[in-house]
Amino acid sequence: MEKCILLIDDETGILDMLEIVLKKEGFHNIKKAQSGKEASQMILEFDPILIVLDIMLPDVNGLEFCMELRKKTDVPVLFLTAKTSDYDKLTGFAMGGDDYITKPFNPMEVAARIKVQLKHQHMYAQTGQVNLLEFEDFSINKDSCEVKQNGEVLELTALEYTLLLYFAEHPNRIFTTAQLYENVWGQINLGEEKTVVMHISRIRKKIEPEADKVKYIHNIRGLGYKFIPHKKETT
């Protein structure tokens, strides 16, 4: 079965506009839902590769819907919302969102952001020659796209994995948030500093051995972020 993109919004006009633009951009399998209940059924039926989710739905809060969704899948979620404060955006990322688009929006921007997310999904799923990056507290298997800690596979989204891999492949270099967004997200001026910061925060919670102490991804005040590779000792 061909995978679909699922658009969830209670406004018919927005759904129809996005469907038209996305089809012009080459996405042909588009499904639409106008409530959380309808969306839940479609997710079970069609197994979407990406979800565009309005935060304000008639029967459920989109943030809570995403949080429940994250218990079952790491499919990319792009929030649509009229809320523009930093707090609202950080909450969206904390609930498991991969991107945050404020209304009113340019539908071409939505299409561009979808392409970026699907590009990362494709990179995440690709396999090739085994290439293992090992550190004291975790390892990255570039063949299986798995990050392991104490033998257990960590649950990272495709974007979190791509960002962590980028850091690991460029150790001891300082990157600004703008550079990280351009190199990892693959777009210029479509994101904000908060997007990068929140994804780094989520990665830290998963790889750092001590919750209150940064060991790998350091914030260099006024400059950006640097990955310090504490290599695993070999015997």
C-alpha atoms as a PDB file:
ATOM      1  CA  MET A   1       0.000   0.000   0.000  1.00  0.00           C
ATOM      2  CA  GLU A   2       1.320   3.422  -0.983  1.00  0.00           C
ATOM      3  CA  LYS A   3       2.086   5.572   2.030  1.00  0.00           C
ATOM      4  CA  CYS A   4       0.156   8.810   2.413  1.00  0.00           C
ATOM      5  CA  ILE A   5       0.530  12.268   3.868  1.00  0.00           C
ATOM      6  CA  LEU A   6      -2.223  12.943   6.393  1.00  0.00           C
ATOM      7  CA  LEU A   7      -3.567  16.493   6.798  1.00  0.00           C
ATOM      8  CA  ILE A   8      -5.540  17.111  10.008  1.00  0.00           C
ATOM      9  CA  ASP A   9      -7.432  20.400  10.359  1.00  0.00           C
ATOM     10  CA  ASP A  10     -11.040  21.325  11.044  1.00  0.00           C
ATOM     11  CA  GLU A  11     -11.009  24.031   8.349  1.00  0.00           C
ATOM     12  CA  THR A  12     -11.990  22.593   4.966  1.00  0.00           C
ATOM     13  CA  GLY A  13     -10.450  25.529   3.113  1.00  0.00           C
ATOM     14  CA  ILE A  14      -7.006  24.896   4.597  1.00  0.00           C
ATOM     15  CA  LEU A  15      -7.183  21.180   3.835  1.00  0.00           C
ATOM     16  CA  ASP A  16      -8.218  21.775   0.226  1.00  0.00           C
ATOM     17  CA  MET A  17      -5.553  24.449  -0.314  1.00  0.00           C
ATOM     18  CA  LEU A  18      -2.777  22.260   1.066  1.00  0.00           C
ATOM     19  CA  GLU A  19      -3.959  19.269  -0.965  1.00  0.00           C
ATOM     20  CA  ILE A  20      -3.855  21.280  -4.212  1.00  0.00           C
ATOM     21  CA  VAL A  21      -0.365  22.653  -3.525  1.00  0.00           C
ATOM     22  CA  LEU A  22       1.057  19.317  -2.388  1.00  0.00           C
ATOM     23  CA  LYS A  23      -0.261  17.536  -5.467  1.00  0.00           C
ATOM     24  CA  LYS A  24       1.345  20.192  -7.657  1.00  0.00           C
ATOM     25  CA  GLU A  25       4.602  19.488  -5.783  1.00  0.00           C
ATOM     26  CA  GLY A  26       4.386  15.801  -6.637  1.00  0.00           C
ATOM     27  CA  PHE A  27       2.627  14.352  -3.580  1.00  0.00           C
ATOM     28  CA  HIS A  28      -0.343  12.402  -4.888  1.00  0.00           C
ATOM     29  CA  ASN A  29      -1.514  10.269  -1.971  1.00  0.00           C
ATOM     30  CA  ILE A  30      -3.065  12.853   0.350  1.00  0.00           C
ATOM     31  CA  LYS A  31      -5.578  11.996   3.054  1.00  0.00           C
ATOM     32  CA  LYS A  32      -7.583  14.548   5.045  1.00  0.00           C
ATOM     33  CA  ALA A  33      -9.231  14.470   8.470  1.00  0.00           C
ATOM     34  CA  GLN A  34     -11.168  17.126  10.362  1.00  0.00           C
ATOM     35  CA  SER A  35     -11.141  15.644  13.869  1.00  0.00           C
ATOM     36  CA  GLY A  36      -8.964  13.592  16.153  1.00  0.00           C
ATOM     37  CA  LYS A  37     -11.339  10.641  15.938  1.00  0.00           C
ATOM     38  CA  GLU A  38     -11.299  10.652  12.151  1.00  0.00           C
ATOM     39  CA  ALA A  39      -7.505  11.086  12.113  1.00  0.00           C
ATOM     40  CA  SER A  40      -6.971   8.140  14.478  1.00  0.00           C
ATOM     41  CA  GLN A  41      -8.932   5.860  12.169  1.00  0.00           C
ATOM     42  CA  MET A  42      -6.987   7.050   9.117  1.00  0.00           C
ATOM     43  CA  ILE A  43      -3.649   6.525  10.857  1.00  0.00           C
ATOM     44  CA  LEU A  44      -4.593   2.892  11.506  1.00  0.00           C
ATOM     45  CA  GLU A  45      -5.889   2.424   7.974  1.00  0.00           C
ATOM     46  CA  PHE A  46      -3.268   4.232   5.880  1.00  0.00           C
ATOM     47  CA  ASP A  47      -0.067   4.322   8.019  1.00  0.00           C
ATOM     48  CA  PRO A  48       0.987   7.863   6.937  1.00  0.00           C
ATOM     49  CA  ILE A  49       4.628   8.807   6.339  1.00  0.00           C
ATOM     50  CA  LEU A  50       4.007  12.353   7.630  1.00  0.00           C
ATOM     51  CA  ILE A  51       1.268  14.200   9.487  1.00  0.00           C
ATOM     52  CA  VAL A  52       0.356  17.883   9.328  1.00  0.00           C
ATOM     53  CA  LEU A  53      -1.593  18.529  12.525  1.00  0.00           C
ATOM     54  CA  ASP A  54      -3.663  21.503  13.621  1.00  0.00           C
ATOM     55  CA  ILE A  55      -3.334  22.097  17.359  1.00  0.00           C
ATOM     56  CA  MET A  56      -6.938  23.262  17.805  1.00  0.00           C
ATOM     57  CA  LEU A  57      -9.251  20.429  16.791  1.00  0.00           C
ATOM     58  CA  PRO A  58     -12.952  20.223  17.710  1.00  0.00           C
ATOM     59  CA  ASP A  59     -12.681  17.018  19.738  1.00  0.00           C
ATOM     60  CA  VAL A  60      -9.076  16.854  20.972  1.00  0.00           C
ATOM     61  CA  ASN A  61      -6.082  19.031  21.712  1.00  0.00           C
ATOM     62  CA  GLY A  62      -3.507  18.522  18.950  1.00  0.00           C
ATOM     63  CA  LEU A  63      -0.636  18.575  21.426  1.00  0.00           C
ATOM     64  CA  GLU A  64      -2.148  15.756  23.459  1.00  0.00           C
ATOM     65  CA  PHE A  65      -2.958  13.898  20.254  1.00  0.00           C
ATOM     66  CA  CYS A  66       0.699  14.110  19.213  1.00  0.00           C
ATOM     67  CA  MET A  67       1.886  12.961  22.631  1.00  0.00           C
ATOM     68  CA  GLU A  68      -0.280   9.844  22.359  1.00  0.00           C
ATOM     69  CA  LEU A  69       0.873   9.315  18.789  1.00  0.00           C
ATOM     70  CA  ARG A  70       4.504   9.351  19.923  1.00  0.00           C
ATOM     71  CA  LYS A  71       3.847   6.261  22.033  1.00  0.00           C
ATOM     72  CA  LYS A  72       3.204   4.315  18.821  1.00  0.00           C
ATOM     73  CA  THR A  73       5.240   5.887  16.025  1.00  0.00           C
ATOM     74  CA  ASP A  74       8.028   8.343  15.167  1.00  0.00           C
ATOM     75  CA  VAL A  75       6.332   9.563  11.976  1.00  0.00           C
ATOM     76  CA  PRO A  76       7.177  13.276  11.431  1.00  0.00           C
ATOM     77  CA  VAL A  77       4.531  15.681  12.775  1.00  0.00           C
ATOM     78  CA  LEU A  78       4.265  19.289  11.587  1.00  0.00           C
ATOM     79  CA  PHE A  79       2.069  21.443  13.802  1.00  0.00           C
ATOM     80  CA  LEU A  80      -0.226  24.095  12.342  1.00  0.00           C
ATOM     81  CA  THR A  81      -1.342  26.758  14.801  1.00  0.00           C
ATOM     82  CA  ALA A  82      -2.300  30.369  15.237  1.00  0.00           C
ATOM     83  CA  LYS A  83      -0.306  30.511  18.483  1.00  0.00           C
ATOM     84  CA  THR A  84       3.037  32.225  17.987  1.00  0.00           C
ATOM     85  CA  SER A  85       4.665  32.593  21.418  1.00  0.00           C
ATOM     86  CA  ASP A  86       7.973  30.900  22.224  1.00  0.00           C
ATOM     87  CA  TYR A  87       6.224  28.990  25.010  1.00  0.00           C
ATOM     88  CA  ASP A  88       3.681  27.534  22.579  1.00  0.00           C
ATOM     89  CA  LYS A  89       6.421  26.512  20.147  1.00  0.00           C
ATOM     90  CA  LEU A  90       8.544  24.901  22.842  1.00  0.00           C
ATOM     91  CA  THR A  91       5.483  23.046  24.104  1.00  0.00           C
ATOM     92  CA  GLY A  92       4.857  21.731  20.602  1.00  0.00           C
ATOM     93  CA  PHE A  93       8.394  20.391  20.308  1.00  0.00           C
ATOM     94  CA  ALA A  94       8.260  18.960  23.818  1.00  0.00           C
ATOM     95  CA  MET A  95       5.125  17.012  22.890  1.00  0.00           C
ATOM     96  CA  GLY A  96       6.974  15.346  20.022  1.00  0.00           C
ATOM     97  CA  GLY A  97       6.450  17.707  17.092  1.00  0.00           C
ATOM     98  CA  ASP A  98       9.157  17.948  14.422  1.00  0.00           C
ATOM     99  CA  ASP A  99       8.244  21.376  13.071  1.00  0.00           C
ATOM    100  CA  TYR A 100       5.935  24.281  13.879  1.00  0.00           C
ATOM    101  CA  ILE A 101       4.103  26.406  11.291  1.00  0.00           C
ATOM    102  CA  THR A 102       2.086  29.445  12.346  1.00  0.00           C
ATOM    103  CA  LYS A 103      -1.112  30.629  10.676  1.00  0.00           C
ATOM    104  CA  PRO A 104      -1.493  32.389   8.335  1.00  0.00           C
ATOM    105  CA  PHE A 105       1.110  30.547   6.297  1.00  0.00           C
ATOM    106  CA  ASN A 106       2.346  30.213   2.739  1.00  0.00           C
ATOM    107  CA  PRO A 107       1.333  26.730   1.500  1.00  0.00           C
ATOM    108  CA  MET A 108       4.576  26.539  -0.498  1.00  0.00           C
ATOM    109  CA  GLU A 109       6.479  26.864   2.781  1.00  0.00           C
ATOM    110  CA  VAL A 110       4.505  23.928   4.178  1.00  0.00           C
ATOM    111  CA  ALA A 111       5.411  21.896   1.079  1.00  0.00           C
ATOM    112  CA  ALA A 112       9.086  22.823   1.511  1.00  0.00           C
ATOM    113  CA  ARG A 113       9.090  21.778   5.153  1.00  0.00           C
ATOM    114  CA  ILE A 114       7.392  18.497   4.293  1.00  0.00           C
ATOM    115  CA  LYS A 115      10.098  17.766   1.720  1.00  0.00           C
ATOM    116  CA  VAL A 116      12.787  18.378   4.354  1.00  0.00           C
ATOM    117  CA  GLN A 117      11.145  16.012   6.827  1.00  0.00           C
ATOM    118  CA  LEU A 118      10.706  13.275   4.218  1.00  0.00           C
ATOM    119  CA  LYS A 119      14.308  13.699   3.117  1.00  0.00           C
ATOM    120  CA  HIS A 120      15.408  12.963   6.674  1.00  0.00           C
ATOM    121  CA  GLN A 121      13.056   9.998   6.861  1.00  0.00           C
ATOM    122  CA  HIS A 122      14.627   8.619   3.696  1.00  0.00           C
ATOM    123  CA  MET A 123      18.144   9.121   5.052  1.00  0.00           C
ATOM    124  CA  TYR A 124      17.095   7.475   8.311  1.00  0.00           C
ATOM    125  CA  ALA A 125      15.777   4.397   6.507  1.00  0.00           C
ATOM    126  CA  GLN A 126      18.674   3.916   4.112  1.00  0.00           C
ATOM    127  CA  THR A 127      21.153   1.144   4.730  1.00  0.00           C
ATOM    128  CA  GLY A 128      24.684   0.634   3.456  1.00  0.00           C
ATOM    129  CA  GLN A 129      28.080  -0.527   4.618  1.00  0.00           C
ATOM    130  CA  VAL A 130      28.309  -1.008   8.377  1.00  0.00           C
ATOM    131  CA  ASN A 131      29.851   2.022   9.996  1.00  0.00           C
ATOM    132  CA  LEU A 132      29.888   2.221  13.780  1.00  0.00           C
ATOM    133  CA  LEU A 133      30.644   5.335  15.803  1.00  0.00           C
ATOM    134  CA  GLU A 134      31.311   4.365  19.414  1.00  0.00           C
ATOM    135  CA  PHE A 135      31.413   6.667  22.406  1.00  0.00           C
ATOM    136  CA  GLU A 136      31.635   6.023  26.136  1.00  0.00           C
ATOM    137  CA  ASP A 137      27.891   6.078  26.706  1.00  0.00           C
ATOM    138  CA  PHE A 138      26.303   5.268  23.355  1.00  0.00           C
ATOM    139  CA  SER A 139      27.021   4.118  19.816  1.00  0.00           C
ATOM    140  CA  ILE A 140      25.678   5.062  16.383  1.00  0.00           C
ATOM    141  CA  ASN A 141      25.285   2.338  13.778  1.00  0.00           C
ATOM    142  CA  LYS A 142      25.082   4.129  10.435  1.00  0.00           C
ATOM    143  CA  ASP A 143      24.038   0.930   8.685  1.00  0.00           C
ATOM    144  CA  SER A 144      20.929   0.272  10.758  1.00  0.00           C
ATOM    145  CA  CYS A 145      20.470   3.936  11.776  1.00  0.00           C
ATOM    146  CA  GLU A 146      20.319   2.832  15.393  1.00  0.00           C
ATOM    147  CA  VAL A 147      21.631   4.580  18.474  1.00  0.00           C
ATOM    148  CA  LYS A 148      22.286   2.196  21.356  1.00  0.00           C
ATOM    149  CA  GLN A 149      22.984   2.791  25.023  1.00  0.00           C
ATOM    150  CA  ASN A 150      23.876  -0.123  27.298  1.00  0.00           C
ATOM    151  CA  GLY A 151      22.782  -2.493  24.558  1.00  0.00           C
ATOM    152  CA  GLU A 152      19.314  -0.938  24.274  1.00  0.00           C
ATOM    153  CA  VAL A 153      18.148   0.926  21.172  1.00  0.00           C
ATOM    154  CA  LEU A 154      17.248   4.543  21.933  1.00  0.00           C
ATOM    155  CA  GLU A 155      14.053   5.882  20.395  1.00  0.00           C
ATOM    156  CA  LEU A 156      15.077   8.864  18.275  1.00  0.00           C
ATOM    157  CA  THR A 157      13.051  10.516  15.558  1.00  0.00           C
ATOM    158  CA  ALA A 158      14.624  10.693  12.105  1.00  0.00           C
ATOM    159  CA  LEU A 159      15.500  14.347  12.640  1.00  0.00           C
ATOM    160  CA  GLU A 160      17.003  13.727  16.072  1.00  0.00           C
ATOM    161  CA  TYR A 161      19.115  10.918  14.619  1.00  0.00           C
ATOM    162  CA  THR A 162      20.272  13.082  11.708  1.00  0.00           C
ATOM    163  CA  LEU A 163      21.221  15.955  14.019  1.00  0.00           C
ATOM    164  CA  LEU A 164      23.104  13.673  16.423  1.00  0.00           C
ATOM    165  CA  LEU A 165      24.924  11.994  13.524  1.00  0.00           C
ATOM    166  CA  TYR A 166      25.899  15.394  12.118  1.00  0.00           C
ATOM    167  CA  PHE A 167      27.406  16.363  15.471  1.00  0.00           C
ATOM    168  CA  ALA A 168      29.193  13.016  15.803  1.00  0.00           C
ATOM    169  CA  GLU A 169      30.688  13.310  12.324  1.00  0.00           C
ATOM    170  CA  HIS A 170      31.907  16.854  13.008  1.00  0.00           C
ATOM    171  CA  PRO A 171      33.394  16.624  16.526  1.00  0.00           C
ATOM    172  CA  ASN A 172      34.969  19.563  18.342  1.00  0.00           C
ATOM    173  CA  ARG A 173      33.584  22.087  15.873  1.00  0.00           C
ATOM    174  CA  ILE A 174      31.351  24.951  16.928  1.00  0.00           C
ATOM    175  CA  PHE A 175      28.150  25.421  14.918  1.00  0.00           C
ATOM    176  CA  THR A 176      25.668  28.263  15.255  1.00  0.00           C
ATOM    177  CA  THR A 177      21.994  27.357  15.347  1.00  0.00           C
ATOM    178  CA  ALA A 178      21.645  28.893  11.883  1.00  0.00           C
ATOM    179  CA  GLN A 179      24.408  26.632  10.522  1.00  0.00           C
ATOM    180  CA  LEU A 180      22.832  23.572  12.127  1.00  0.00           C
ATOM    181  CA  TYR A 181      19.434  24.425  10.674  1.00  0.00           C
ATOM    182  CA  GLU A 182      20.887  24.926   7.211  1.00  0.00           C
ATOM    183  CA  ASN A 183      23.047  21.782   7.267  1.00  0.00           C
ATOM    184  CA  VAL A 184      20.656  19.399   9.031  1.00  0.00           C
ATOM    185  CA  TRP A 185      17.188  20.724   8.193  1.00  0.00           C
ATOM    186  CA  GLY A 186      18.386  21.607   4.689  1.00  0.00           C
ATOM    187  CA  GLN A 187      16.649  24.970   4.518  1.00  0.00           C
ATOM    188  CA  ILE A 188      17.614  28.610   4.974  1.00  0.00           C
ATOM    189  CA  ASN A 189      15.432  31.006   6.983  1.00  0.00           C
ATOM    190  CA  LEU A 190      12.540  28.568   7.348  1.00  0.00           C
ATOM    191  CA  GLY A 191      13.211  27.746  10.975  1.00  0.00           C
ATOM    192  CA  GLU A 192      14.062  29.495  14.175  1.00  0.00           C
ATOM    193  CA  GLU A 193      16.694  29.109  16.872  1.00  0.00           C
ATOM    194  CA  LYS A 194      14.140  27.536  19.208  1.00  0.00           C
ATOM    195  CA  THR A 195      13.654  24.632  16.783  1.00  0.00           C
ATOM    196  CA  VAL A 196      17.320  23.653  16.938  1.00  0.00           C
ATOM    197  CA  VAL A 197      17.587  24.253  20.684  1.00  0.00           C
ATOM    198  CA  MET A 198      14.599  22.049  21.466  1.00  0.00           C
ATOM    199  CA  HIS A 199      15.880  19.180  19.319  1.00  0.00           C
ATOM    200  CA  ILE A 200      19.277  19.378  21.033  1.00  0.00           C
ATOM    201  CA  SER A 201      17.516  19.314  24.401  1.00  0.00           C
ATOM    202  CA  ARG A 202      15.600  16.179  23.411  1.00  0.00           C
ATOM    203  CA  ILE A 203      18.775  14.451  22.212  1.00  0.00           C
ATOM    204  CA  ARG A 204      20.592  15.320  25.445  1.00  0.00           C
ATOM    205  CA  LYS A 205      17.853  13.706  27.516  1.00  0.00           C
ATOM    206  CA  LYS A 206      18.401  10.480  25.603  1.00  0.00           C
ATOM    207  CA  ILE A 207      22.200  10.235  25.360  1.00  0.00           C
ATOM    208  CA  GLU A 208      23.613  12.073  28.371  1.00  0.00           C
ATOM    209  CA  PRO A 209      24.517   9.717  31.262  1.00  0.00           C
ATOM    210  CA  GLU A 210      23.691  12.369  33.884  1.00  0.00           C
ATOM    211  CA  ALA A 211      20.551  14.463  33.543  1.00  0.00           C
ATOM    212  CA  ASP A 212      22.040  17.538  35.227  1.00  0.00           C
ATOM    213  CA  LYS A 213      25.452  17.431  33.548  1.00  0.00           C
ATOM    214  CA  VAL A 214      26.274  17.966  29.877  1.00  0.00           C
ATOM    215  CA  LYS A 215      28.939  15.637  28.559  1.00  0.00           C
ATOM    216  CA  TYR A 216      28.560  15.526  24.776  1.00  0.00           C
ATOM    217  CA  ILE A 217      26.674  18.454  23.205  1.00  0.00           C
ATOM    218  CA  HIS A 218      27.951  21.656  24.796  1.00  0.00           C
ATOM    219  CA  ASN A 219      26.530  25.149  24.475  1.00  0.00           C
ATOM    220  CA  ILE A 220      29.423  27.549  23.849  1.00  0.00           C
ATOM    221  CA  ARG A 221      27.998  30.820  25.115  1.00  0.00           C
ATOM    222  CA  GLY A 222      27.570  33.402  22.398  1.00  0.00           C
ATOM    223  CA  LEU A 223      28.900  31.082  19.682  1.00  0.00           C
ATOM    224  CA  GLY A 224      26.813  27.940  19.306  1.00  0.00           C
ATOM    225  CA  TYR A 225      27.085  24.223  20.014  1.00  0.00           C
ATOM    226  CA  LYS A 226      29.970  21.767  19.992  1.00  0.00           C
ATOM    227  CA  PHE A 227      30.011  17.978  20.189  1.00  0.00           C
ATOM    228  CA  ILE A 228      32.822  16.601  22.364  1.00  0.00           C
ATOM    229  CA  PRO A 229      33.484  12.957  21.425  1.00  0.00           C
ATOM    230  CA  HIS A 230      34.227  10.986  24.559  1.00  0.00           C
ATOM    231  CA  LYS A 231      35.502   7.920  22.759  1.00  0.00           C
ATOM    232  CA  LYS A 232      34.978   4.441  24.136  1.00  0.00           C
ATOM    233  CA  GLU A 233      38.229   2.947  25.350  1.00  0.00           C
ATOM    234  CA  THR A 234      39.362  -0.114  23.441  1.00  0.00           C
ATOM    235  CA  THR A 235      41.225  -2.995  25.024  1.00  0.00           C
END
